[in-house]
Structures are given as structure tokens and as C-alpha cells.
Amino acid sequence: MSQQQSTEDPYTIISSDTHAGLPTELYRDYLATRHHAAFDGFLAEREAQLKAITDLGVRNEDFAANWFETNEEVLRSGWEVDRRDLELDKDGVTGEVIFPDADAVESRTCVPFGAGLGLSGDMDPELGLAGAQAHNRWLAELCKTSPERRRGVALIPITADLPDVLAEIRRIKDDGLGAVMIPAMWMNQTPYHDRKYDPVWALCEELELPVVTHSGPADRESYGNHLGIYVQEVTWWPARPLWFLLWAGVFERFPRLKFGVTEAGCWWVGNMLWFMDRLLLGSRGAAKLAGFEEIKLLPSEYFDRNCFIGASNTKRREIGMRYEIGIGNICWGNDFPHPEGTWPDTLNILRKTFGDVPVAETRVMLGEAVAGVYGFDLEVLKPHAARIGVTPGTLGQTGPDGKVRDLESKWAAAKEIGRHWITGHDVAAVVDPNVQALEV
């Protein structure tokens, strides 16, 4: 995009992370009748669990009461299509990638048998798949209301019986869903480096279905009611499968497979790529080790080719690290309608976060990157973007004359440094060429 981009040219903003789900009891109609008795037991157990965590002080009852009282009508957009579109429009969002569990406060919209954001490798394989299928069926109906604006993420418990898993992946593709969410934690099942999962990766590659994890599950039994520990670690678990797949050669065997980590931030990516690359670029510690035979590229090259980050509520610090992370690897998200996301104040937050970021780079992180991963048609979305009307001026990227400001020069040094272990630059060397660049 040109520096002279006018304020009349809108952004196509696509959230890589929104949530939708029925009030849990309404999933009954999407469950096979043979599972109804188990579903009744699940509903009763869920109410008991909510009371237990309230009694322990883990759940902030005052916050929950205020949240639902303040947003009672709006929260119905978690499953009511017309209301949902109105809320997304007001939030500046043209398109969305939809994950389960619209309610992140009391789990009133959780998927049957806990197979939503809590999808885990140790679930009962039959009930876990049944709950996932119920949500997948409903989600496909939701997405068909505005298929150009929505990409639904199907729940696939890949640690279940492989023939059933592959059949469900084929079914959700035929039903119009656009990605596959796998358990972030395989628990006591086979880890993801094992070749038993190759048929899953092969099928997702063939069907052009991105494979994603999402934050939520963690080692809760170890934390007790110490939620600070949970918050510290909850972004690590969905990221962990990434390096299992990378070092196991999955991205070498399946070069067109796309793998994403959602709602786990992206602040850790630059350091991870530096650490992994240096293992192959000269680390003495790795020189004595075997087991790298399947790795033909640098880890950062696999990451750029195969991976992406659903960077919900992307922080200013993370935007400042974008040249190490890779601009095209950052897919912004608003986490609608969860209270920890940017909704319903997205536009104000985007001004603070992107106000001095070059427009062309902003367009990539706010929409073009996620469109490429999930297959949104940017041309088809243009009328929605024009109607919603978020422009560089909306984000404070224009001057008094209405023209886009020179935002590139501020970031020129950081862009030149990029991944310093690849470019050979560091901050001092860019400012003073007589300073020796940092070693890998």
C-alpha cells in the first residue's frame, strides 16, 4: 500500500479469534440420542463444579454478576446471528474465525462433555467426539448465514480412534468449516511427534484445513486455587505442540500444512525462533546431539512457511517485536465476546496499538495474514469493509491534511535489524556501522 493511502480506503479487519456457542443445554438437539443420558449427567455435574469453584474463591462472583447484568442482551450474540453481526460491525470487524465457548466467565455455553476450549487428550474418546460433533454441526449452521465473513473452527479430538477422527475431518470440510482445532494437551495419550498422527496432518494438508490450538487447558490439578500460576503457564501449553511438530519433521513431510497457536500471545515467538535457529547455526550444545536428520530448513523458515499466531488482543510490545516474529505471521484477534479481549473497545485499543505503524504492515496484521491462512476472499469482503468504515484515519495514522503520515522512518532501524541472528545486525551496529554485530 502507498504512503498516500487516503482515509477513504478502509481496512478489512478479520479477527483470528472470536467465540460462539449455544447455551449448553441447547446442544441436546445436535447430539445423538444415545448420548442424552450422559449429557444430563454432564449438565448436573457442571452446575456442581461451578458451585465448588465459587465456594473456593476461584471464581469472582461479583465480577460474574456484574458482567452478565451489564451485557445480558449483547452476550446473546454468542449464538444469535443478527445480534452477532451488529456487534462485530460496531467493533470494526469485517470477518471472523470462530472458536467455541462464547461464555468465558461461567461456561454457560460450554460444549457438551467439556469438548470445547477444554478439549483434552484424556477425554472419553466416544463422548469427547460426540460433544465435538454436536458443536461442529451447530457451528456449520451459524457459518452458513454469512459464509464470506466467517470461518468456523471444528473441534477434532485427534487422540480418539483414528478412523473416526479422519471421518469427522472429512465431514466438517464437506459441511463448510474452515479449520481444525486439536487438543493443546495430549495428556496420557501419544505425543504429537509420533508418526501415528501423520494421516491427520496429511488429510488436513490435502483439504487445506489449518490445524490450530487455543489457550484454555493447563495443568490445573497442580495449581489448586493459585490462579496466578495458571495465568503464567496457560499460554505455554497451546504453544508446546508447535515445537513437537517442527522438531519431529512434520513440517518437512507436509510442507503445505498450516499450524497456528491462538490466544497465547506472540511475545515469545522471537526468542523461540532465535533459540531454535541457533541450535542449527552454531550452538555447541547441539553439535554433540543426533536427531536433527529430518530438519532440512532453519526452524524460522519452517515457521514462516507453515505457522502463524492468532494473536488475540495484540499488545503494543508485541507489535514492536513484529520484525523478529514476522509481520505475516501475526494474525490479530479481538477475542469477542470474552471479557479479556478488546471487544467492545476495539477501535480505541487499535488506535493505541497501531497508530504509528505503517499502513501496509497494519493491513497485513489486521486482516491480510489471516485471510491468507483461512481462505477469506478479500475482494468479496470489500463491501462489508466499506460499510463498516475503519480507515487509517480511524486509527490515527493520518495527518491534518488527511494523508497517511510517514510512519516508515520511525521503524526503519528495527526493520533493518529484523531477526538479528540472520541479518547480522543489532541496534548499535545499525546506528554506528563501526560497532561489531552480535553473534548468533
Protein backbone atom coordinates (compact mmCIF):
# COMPACT_ATOMS: atom_id res chain seq x y z
CA MET A 1 0.00 0.00 0.00
CA SER A 2 1.16 3.55 -0.71
CA GLN A 3 2.07 6.12 1.91
CA GLN A 4 -0.52 8.30 0.19
CA GLN A 5 -3.33 5.88 1.09
CA SER A 6 -6.36 8.06 1.71
CA THR A 7 -8.68 7.88 4.68
CA GLU A 8 -11.44 6.69 2.35
CA ASP A 9 -9.73 3.33 1.78
CA PRO A 10 -10.96 1.05 4.57
CA TYR A 11 -9.19 -1.68 6.46
CA THR A 12 -10.52 -5.20 6.06
CA ILE A 13 -10.21 -6.30 9.67
CA ILE A 14 -10.53 -10.04 10.27
CA SER A 15 -10.42 -11.34 13.82
CA SER A 16 -8.43 -14.56 14.13
CA ASP A 17 -10.15 -15.30 17.43
CA THR A 18 -13.84 -14.97 18.18
CA HIS A 19 -16.08 -17.34 20.09
CA ALA A 20 -19.58 -18.72 19.59
CA GLY A 21 -21.59 -21.43 21.23
CA LEU A 22 -25.10 -22.37 22.23
CA PRO A 23 -26.31 -22.25 25.82
CA THR A 24 -25.09 -25.72 26.75
CA GLU A 25 -28.48 -27.36 27.30
CA LEU A 26 -29.49 -26.43 23.72
CA TYR A 27 -26.81 -28.69 22.25
CA ARG A 28 -29.12 -31.64 23.00
CA ASP A 29 -30.69 -31.34 19.56
CA TYR A 30 -27.26 -31.79 17.95
CA LEU A 31 -26.30 -34.86 19.99
CA ALA A 32 -27.10 -38.42 19.01
CA THR A 33 -29.93 -39.66 21.23
CA ARG A 34 -27.76 -42.44 22.66
CA HIS A 35 -25.72 -39.75 24.42
CA HIS A 36 -28.64 -37.89 26.01
CA ALA A 37 -28.44 -39.70 29.35
CA ALA A 38 -24.73 -38.96 29.64
CA PHE A 39 -25.46 -35.36 28.67
CA ASP A 40 -27.94 -34.99 31.54
CA GLY A 41 -25.27 -36.21 33.91
CA PHE A 42 -22.78 -33.75 32.44
CA LEU A 43 -25.17 -30.83 32.96
CA ALA A 44 -25.73 -31.75 36.60
CA GLU A 45 -22.01 -32.18 37.22
CA ARG A 46 -21.24 -28.82 35.59
CA GLU A 47 -23.55 -26.99 37.98
CA ALA A 48 -21.88 -28.69 40.93
CA GLN A 49 -18.44 -27.70 39.63
CA LEU A 50 -19.48 -24.06 39.25
CA LYS A 51 -20.68 -24.01 42.85
CA ALA A 52 -17.45 -25.66 44.02
CA ILE A 53 -15.13 -23.13 42.40
CA THR A 54 -17.32 -20.31 43.72
CA ASP A 55 -17.03 -21.69 47.25
CA LEU A 56 -13.24 -21.99 46.86
CA GLY A 57 -12.96 -18.36 45.81
CA VAL A 58 -11.52 -19.27 42.41
CA ARG A 59 -14.45 -17.63 40.63
CA ASN A 60 -15.04 -13.93 41.21
CA GLU A 61 -18.76 -13.97 41.85
CA ASP A 62 -19.09 -10.17 41.93
CA PHE A 63 -17.38 -9.84 38.54
CA ALA A 64 -19.57 -12.56 37.05
CA ALA A 65 -22.77 -10.98 38.32
CA ASN A 66 -21.81 -7.54 37.00
CA TRP A 67 -20.63 -8.96 33.66
CA PHE A 68 -23.88 -10.75 32.92
CA GLU A 69 -26.08 -7.93 34.23
CA THR A 70 -24.24 -5.30 32.17
CA ASN A 71 -24.06 -7.37 28.99
CA GLU A 72 -27.14 -9.56 29.25
CA GLU A 73 -28.57 -8.71 25.83
CA VAL A 74 -25.29 -8.30 23.99
CA LEU A 75 -23.97 -11.70 25.12
CA ARG A 76 -26.75 -13.37 23.16
CA SER A 77 -24.60 -12.54 20.13
CA GLY A 78 -22.63 -15.62 21.13
CA TRP A 79 -25.30 -17.65 19.34
CA GLU A 80 -27.79 -15.23 17.74
CA VAL A 81 -26.59 -14.34 14.23
CA ASP A 82 -28.24 -10.95 13.65
CA ARG A 83 -27.12 -9.62 17.01
CA ARG A 84 -23.64 -11.02 16.40
CA ASP A 85 -23.24 -9.18 13.11
CA LEU A 86 -24.29 -5.91 14.73
CA GLU A 87 -21.69 -6.30 17.48
CA LEU A 88 -18.92 -7.21 15.06
CA ASP A 89 -19.78 -4.22 12.87
CA LYS A 90 -19.63 -1.86 15.85
CA ASP A 91 -16.29 -3.36 16.83
CA GLY A 92 -14.88 -2.67 13.36
CA VAL A 93 -14.58 -6.35 12.41
CA THR A 94 -15.27 -7.45 8.83
CA GLY A 95 -14.60 -11.19 9.17
CA GLU A 96 -14.08 -13.70 11.95
CA VAL A 97 -12.52 -17.07 12.77
CA ILE A 98 -14.83 -18.74 15.26
CA PHE A 99 -13.77 -20.90 18.21
CA PRO A 100 -16.13 -22.50 20.78
CA ASP A 101 -17.33 -21.34 24.20
CA ALA A 102 -18.87 -17.88 23.84
CA ASP A 103 -19.03 -17.51 27.63
CA ALA A 104 -15.62 -17.41 29.33
CA VAL A 105 -16.95 -16.41 32.75
CA GLU A 106 -19.32 -19.16 33.85
CA SER A 107 -19.11 -21.60 30.91
CA ARG A 108 -22.82 -21.25 30.24
CA THR A 109 -22.13 -22.04 26.58
CA CYS A 110 -19.60 -24.82 27.05
CA VAL A 111 -19.56 -27.67 24.56
CA PRO A 112 -21.07 -31.00 25.76
CA PHE A 113 -18.72 -33.11 27.84
CA GLY A 114 -16.18 -30.27 28.01
CA ALA A 115 -15.00 -30.78 24.44
CA GLY A 116 -14.66 -27.04 23.69
CA LEU A 117 -11.70 -24.89 24.72
CA GLY A 118 -11.00 -27.55 27.32
CA LEU A 119 -10.59 -30.22 24.62
CA SER A 120 -8.06 -32.65 26.06
CA GLY A 121 -6.31 -35.83 25.05
CA ASP A 122 -7.59 -37.81 28.02
CA MET A 123 -11.29 -37.37 27.28
CA ASP A 124 -13.50 -40.39 26.89
CA PRO A 125 -13.00 -40.96 23.14
CA GLU A 126 -16.67 -41.62 22.40
CA LEU A 127 -18.15 -38.78 24.48
CA GLY A 128 -15.41 -36.34 23.56
CA LEU A 129 -16.05 -36.92 19.87
CA ALA A 130 -19.82 -36.78 20.39
CA GLY A 131 -19.58 -33.40 22.11
CA ALA A 132 -17.24 -32.08 19.44
CA GLN A 133 -19.57 -33.27 16.67
CA ALA A 134 -22.55 -31.58 18.30
CA HIS A 135 -20.74 -28.24 18.32
CA ASN A 136 -19.36 -28.74 14.81
CA ARG A 137 -22.86 -29.36 13.43
CA TRP A 138 -24.25 -26.23 15.07
CA LEU A 139 -21.25 -24.09 14.10
CA ALA A 140 -21.61 -25.07 10.45
CA GLU A 141 -25.18 -23.76 10.54
CA LEU A 142 -24.01 -20.47 12.05
CA CYS A 143 -21.28 -20.00 9.44
CA LYS A 144 -23.63 -20.64 6.54
CA THR A 145 -25.54 -17.47 7.41
CA SER A 146 -22.65 -15.28 6.18
CA PRO A 147 -20.06 -17.65 4.75
CA GLU A 148 -17.95 -14.84 3.30
CA ARG A 149 -17.48 -13.33 6.77
CA ARG A 150 -17.00 -16.49 8.85
CA ARG A 151 -14.61 -19.39 9.16
CA GLY A 152 -15.66 -21.93 11.75
CA VAL A 153 -13.02 -23.95 13.60
CA ALA A 154 -14.09 -27.56 14.06
CA LEU A 155 -13.27 -29.43 17.26
CA ILE A 156 -11.32 -32.61 16.49
CA PRO A 157 -10.09 -34.79 19.39
CA ILE A 158 -7.26 -36.40 17.38
CA THR A 159 -6.25 -38.69 20.25
CA ALA A 160 -9.51 -40.62 19.72
CA ASP A 161 -9.84 -43.56 17.32
CA LEU A 162 -8.08 -42.60 14.08
CA PRO A 163 -10.78 -43.77 11.59
CA ASP A 164 -13.40 -41.74 13.49
CA VAL A 165 -11.10 -38.72 13.58
CA LEU A 166 -10.42 -38.82 9.85
CA ALA A 167 -14.10 -39.30 9.08
CA GLU A 168 -15.03 -36.24 11.15
CA ILE A 169 -12.37 -34.12 9.45
CA ARG A 170 -13.79 -35.05 6.05
CA ARG A 171 -17.33 -34.39 7.27
CA ILE A 172 -16.62 -30.92 8.65
CA LYS A 173 -14.86 -29.95 5.42
CA ASP A 174 -17.93 -31.02 3.44
CA ASP A 175 -20.07 -29.04 5.90
CA GLY A 176 -18.16 -25.84 5.19
CA LEU A 177 -16.00 -25.45 8.30
CA GLY A 178 -12.57 -23.95 7.70
CA ALA A 179 -10.07 -25.25 10.26
CA VAL A 180 -9.36 -27.98 12.80
CA MET A 181 -8.73 -27.35 16.50
CA ILE A 182 -6.81 -30.15 18.24
CA PRO A 183 -6.22 -30.64 21.97
CA ALA A 184 -3.40 -28.45 23.25
CA MET A 185 -2.60 -31.20 25.79
CA TRP A 186 -2.47 -34.86 24.76
CA MET A 187 -2.22 -35.83 28.45
CA ASN A 188 -1.64 -39.60 28.77
CA GLN A 189 -2.06 -40.23 25.05
CA THR A 190 0.62 -40.45 22.35
CA PRO A 191 2.55 -37.16 21.93
CA TYR A 192 2.21 -35.32 18.65
CA HIS A 193 5.72 -36.09 17.45
CA ASP A 194 4.59 -39.68 16.81
CA ARG A 195 4.01 -40.73 13.21
CA LYS A 196 0.64 -42.22 14.13
CA TYR A 197 -0.75 -38.71 13.57
CA ASP A 198 0.67 -38.41 10.05
CA PRO A 199 -2.68 -39.37 8.46
CA VAL A 200 -4.25 -36.42 10.30
CA TRP A 201 -1.62 -33.96 9.08
CA ALA A 202 -1.80 -35.42 5.57
CA LEU A 203 -5.58 -35.08 5.38
CA CYS A 204 -5.58 -31.52 6.74
CA GLU A 205 -2.90 -30.60 4.21
CA GLU A 206 -4.89 -32.20 1.39
CA LEU A 207 -8.14 -30.47 2.40
CA GLU A 208 -6.36 -27.14 3.08
CA LEU A 209 -7.59 -27.06 6.67
CA PRO A 210 -5.31 -25.16 9.07
CA VAL A 211 -4.64 -27.01 12.32
CA VAL A 212 -4.80 -24.85 15.45
CA THR A 213 -4.55 -24.95 19.20
CA HIS A 214 -6.19 -22.47 21.57
CA SER A 215 -5.36 -21.44 25.11
CA GLY A 216 -7.50 -22.71 27.95
CA PRO A 217 -6.36 -26.13 29.14
CA ALA A 218 -3.41 -26.36 31.51
CA ASP A 219 -2.19 -28.44 34.44
CA ARG A 220 -4.99 -27.19 36.68
CA GLU A 221 -4.68 -30.00 39.21
CA SER A 222 -1.18 -28.81 40.07
CA TYR A 223 -2.25 -25.18 40.55
CA GLY A 224 -5.09 -25.60 43.02
CA ASN A 225 -6.66 -22.18 43.51
CA HIS A 226 -3.41 -20.32 42.72
CA LEU A 227 -4.68 -18.69 39.56
CA GLY A 228 -1.51 -16.66 39.13
CA ILE A 229 0.30 -19.90 38.31
CA TYR A 230 -2.40 -20.84 35.82
CA VAL A 231 -2.24 -17.46 34.09
CA GLN A 232 1.56 -17.69 33.97
CA GLU A 233 1.52 -21.06 32.22
CA VAL A 234 -1.73 -21.15 30.24
CA THR A 235 -0.13 -19.67 27.12
CA TRP A 236 2.67 -22.26 27.15
CA TRP A 237 0.51 -25.34 26.68
CA PRO A 238 -1.07 -24.40 23.31
CA ALA A 239 2.36 -23.35 22.01
CA ARG A 240 4.03 -26.62 23.01
CA PRO A 241 2.68 -28.71 20.08
CA LEU A 242 4.38 -26.32 17.66
CA TRP A 243 7.89 -27.41 18.55
CA PHE A 244 6.82 -31.05 18.80
CA LEU A 245 5.66 -30.87 15.18
CA LEU A 246 8.63 -28.84 13.98
CA TRP A 247 11.43 -30.93 15.50
CA ALA A 248 9.64 -34.17 14.56
CA GLY A 249 9.80 -33.20 10.88
CA VAL A 250 6.06 -32.78 10.41
CA PHE A 251 6.53 -29.52 8.52
CA GLU A 252 9.21 -31.14 6.36
CA ARG A 253 6.93 -34.06 5.44
CA PHE A 254 3.87 -31.83 4.98
CA PRO A 255 5.16 -28.56 3.54
CA ARG A 256 1.69 -27.12 2.85
CA LEU A 257 0.30 -27.85 6.32
CA LYS A 258 -0.64 -24.71 8.26
CA PHE A 259 -0.37 -24.76 12.04
CA GLY A 260 -1.46 -21.94 14.34
CA VAL A 261 -1.39 -21.07 18.04
CA THR A 262 -4.33 -18.91 19.13
CA GLU A 263 -4.81 -16.65 22.16
CA ALA A 264 -1.39 -17.37 23.61
CA GLY A 265 0.21 -14.05 22.70
CA CYS A 266 3.13 -13.74 20.31
CA TRP A 267 5.70 -12.12 22.63
CA TRP A 268 7.55 -15.46 22.92
CA VAL A 269 7.98 -16.12 19.20
CA GLY A 270 11.13 -14.07 18.51
CA ASN A 271 13.08 -15.63 21.37
CA MET A 272 11.84 -19.10 20.42
CA LEU A 273 12.99 -18.69 16.80
CA TRP A 274 16.37 -17.32 17.93
CA PHE A 275 16.83 -20.26 20.29
CA MET A 276 15.79 -22.89 17.73
CA ASP A 277 17.77 -21.40 14.86
CA ARG A 278 20.95 -21.14 16.89
CA LEU A 279 20.77 -24.87 17.61
CA LEU A 280 21.44 -25.39 13.91
CA LEU A 281 23.54 -22.30 13.23
CA GLY A 282 26.37 -22.98 15.60
CA SER A 283 25.32 -23.87 19.11
CA ARG A 284 27.99 -26.10 20.62
CA GLY A 285 25.35 -27.76 22.77
CA ALA A 286 23.54 -29.11 19.71
CA ALA A 287 26.69 -30.18 17.87
CA LYS A 288 27.07 -33.25 20.04
CA LEU A 289 23.45 -34.37 19.54
CA ALA A 290 21.83 -36.54 16.91
CA GLY A 291 18.19 -36.48 15.85
CA PHE A 292 18.15 -33.46 13.56
CA GLU A 293 18.16 -35.51 10.36
CA GLU A 294 14.57 -34.64 9.41
CA ILE A 295 15.19 -30.91 9.65
CA LYS A 296 16.23 -29.53 6.25
CA LEU A 297 15.46 -25.84 6.85
CA LEU A 298 16.05 -23.42 9.68
CA PRO A 299 13.24 -23.52 12.25
CA SER A 300 12.45 -19.88 11.43
CA GLU A 301 11.99 -20.89 7.79
CA TYR A 302 9.52 -23.62 8.74
CA PHE A 303 7.77 -21.13 10.99
CA ASP A 304 7.40 -18.57 8.21
CA ARG A 305 6.17 -21.21 5.77
CA ASN A 306 3.94 -23.36 7.96
CA CYS A 307 2.99 -21.45 11.09
CA PHE A 308 1.00 -18.45 12.25
CA ILE A 309 -0.12 -16.89 15.52
CA GLY A 310 -3.71 -15.99 16.32
CA ALA A 311 -2.53 -13.02 18.37
CA SER A 312 -5.63 -12.03 20.31
CA ASN A 313 -5.55 -8.56 21.86
CA THR A 314 -2.10 -7.99 20.40
CA LYS A 315 -0.07 -5.85 22.76
CA ARG A 316 1.99 -2.80 21.87
CA ARG A 317 5.16 -4.59 22.95
CA GLU A 318 4.38 -7.44 20.55
CA ILE A 319 3.82 -5.02 17.67
CA GLY A 320 7.26 -3.61 18.42
CA MET A 321 8.71 -7.11 18.01
CA ARG A 322 7.00 -7.77 14.68
CA TYR A 323 10.17 -7.85 12.57
CA GLU A 324 11.51 -10.76 14.64
CA ILE A 325 8.15 -12.54 14.81
CA GLY A 326 7.40 -11.91 11.14
CA ILE A 327 4.68 -9.45 10.16
CA GLY A 328 2.89 -12.05 8.05
CA ASN A 329 2.83 -14.47 10.97
CA ILE A 330 0.78 -12.16 13.23
CA CYS A 331 -3.00 -12.51 12.93
CA TRP A 332 -4.76 -10.01 15.19
CA GLY A 333 -7.90 -11.02 17.09
CA ASN A 334 -10.46 -9.33 19.35
CA ASP A 335 -11.48 -12.44 21.37
CA PHE A 336 -15.17 -11.47 21.02
CA PRO A 337 -17.18 -11.77 23.27
CA HIS A 338 -14.76 -12.65 26.08
CA PRO A 339 -14.04 -10.01 28.75
CA GLU A 340 -10.25 -10.32 28.40
CA GLY A 341 -10.33 -9.33 24.73
CA THR A 342 -10.53 -5.93 23.04
CA TRP A 343 -14.30 -6.07 22.46
CA PRO A 344 -16.25 -3.80 22.84
CA ASP A 345 -13.48 -1.16 22.82
CA THR A 346 -11.53 -2.49 19.86
CA LEU A 347 -11.21 0.71 17.86
CA ASN A 348 -9.77 2.71 20.77
CA ILE A 349 -7.31 -0.09 21.50
CA LEU A 350 -6.30 -0.34 17.85
CA ARG A 351 -5.53 3.40 17.83
CA LYS A 352 -3.19 2.99 20.77
CA THR A 353 -1.58 -0.14 19.35
CA PHE A 354 -1.27 0.63 15.64
CA GLY A 355 -1.42 4.44 15.49
CA ASP A 356 2.21 4.84 14.39
CA VAL A 357 2.59 1.55 12.50
CA PRO A 358 2.92 1.76 8.69
CA VAL A 359 -0.42 1.25 6.97
CA ALA A 360 0.77 -1.57 4.72
CA GLU A 361 2.02 -3.53 7.74
CA THR A 362 -1.18 -2.77 9.65
CA ARG A 363 -3.24 -4.16 6.80
CA VAL A 364 -1.28 -7.42 6.94
CA MET A 365 -1.62 -7.93 10.70
CA LEU A 366 -5.27 -6.83 10.91
CA GLY A 367 -6.58 -8.86 8.01
CA GLU A 368 -4.42 -9.91 5.09
CA ALA A 369 -2.41 -12.52 7.02
CA VAL A 370 -5.44 -14.25 8.50
CA ALA A 371 -7.22 -14.08 5.13
CA GLY A 372 -4.32 -15.96 3.57
CA VAL A 373 -4.32 -18.67 6.23
CA TYR A 374 -8.07 -19.27 6.41
CA GLY A 375 -9.00 -18.54 2.79
CA PHE A 376 -11.09 -15.39 3.11
CA ASP A 377 -11.73 -13.61 -0.20
CA LEU A 378 -10.66 -10.01 0.39
CA GLU A 379 -12.46 -8.82 -2.74
CA VAL A 380 -15.74 -10.32 -1.57
CA LEU A 381 -15.27 -8.70 1.85
CA LYS A 382 -14.70 -5.21 0.41
CA PRO A 383 -18.38 -4.14 0.59
CA HIS A 384 -18.51 -5.13 4.27
CA ALA A 385 -15.26 -3.27 4.96
CA ALA A 386 -16.57 -0.16 3.17
CA ARG A 387 -19.83 -0.27 5.14
CA ILE A 388 -18.02 -0.70 8.48
CA GLY A 389 -15.61 2.05 7.51
CA VAL A 390 -12.44 1.61 9.57
CA THR A 391 -9.70 3.62 7.84
CA PRO A 392 -6.14 4.79 8.55
CA GLY A 393 -7.76 7.98 9.82
CA THR A 394 -9.83 5.95 12.30
CA LEU A 395 -6.61 4.55 13.74
CA GLY A 396 -4.87 7.94 13.90
CA GLN A 397 -2.44 7.18 11.08
CA THR A 398 -3.19 10.34 9.09
CA GLY A 399 -2.11 13.94 9.41
CA PRO A 400 -4.16 17.18 9.33
CA ASP A 401 -4.23 17.03 5.54
CA GLY A 402 -5.95 13.65 5.60
CA LYS A 403 -2.95 11.90 4.09
CA VAL A 404 -1.22 8.95 5.73
CA ARG A 405 1.77 10.14 7.75
CA ASP A 406 5.33 8.97 7.13
CA LEU A 407 5.32 6.06 9.55
CA GLU A 408 8.08 4.01 7.95
CA SER A 409 11.09 6.10 9.01
CA LYS A 410 10.41 5.63 12.72
CA TRP A 411 10.72 1.87 12.35
CA ALA A 412 13.48 1.74 9.72
CA ALA A 413 16.27 0.70 12.11
CA ALA A 414 14.17 -2.03 13.74
CA LYS A 415 13.17 -3.32 10.31
CA GLU A 416 16.80 -3.44 9.18
CA ILE A 417 17.78 -5.39 12.28
CA GLY A 418 14.91 -7.83 11.85
CA ARG A 419 16.00 -11.25 13.07
CA HIS A 420 19.44 -10.16 14.15
CA TRP A 421 20.82 -13.69 14.21
CA ILE A 422 20.02 -13.88 10.47
CA THR A 423 20.73 -10.31 9.35
CA GLY A 424 23.89 -9.94 11.45
CA HIS A 425 22.66 -6.60 12.80
CA ASP A 426 21.99 -5.28 16.26
CA VAL A 427 20.80 -1.87 17.39
CA ALA A 428 24.28 -0.46 17.96
CA ALA A 429 25.57 -1.73 14.63
CA VAL A 430 22.72 -0.07 12.73
CA VAL A 431 23.32 3.27 14.46
CA ASP A 432 27.13 3.02 14.19
CA PRO A 433 28.47 0.74 11.43
CA ASN A 434 31.84 0.57 13.22
CA VAL A 435 30.24 -1.45 16.02
CA GLN A 436 30.54 -5.21 15.53
CA ALA A 437 27.22 -7.00 15.16
CA LEU A 438 26.05 -9.51 17.72
CA GLU A 439 26.98 -13.14 17.18
CA VAL A 440 24.34 -15.80 16.76
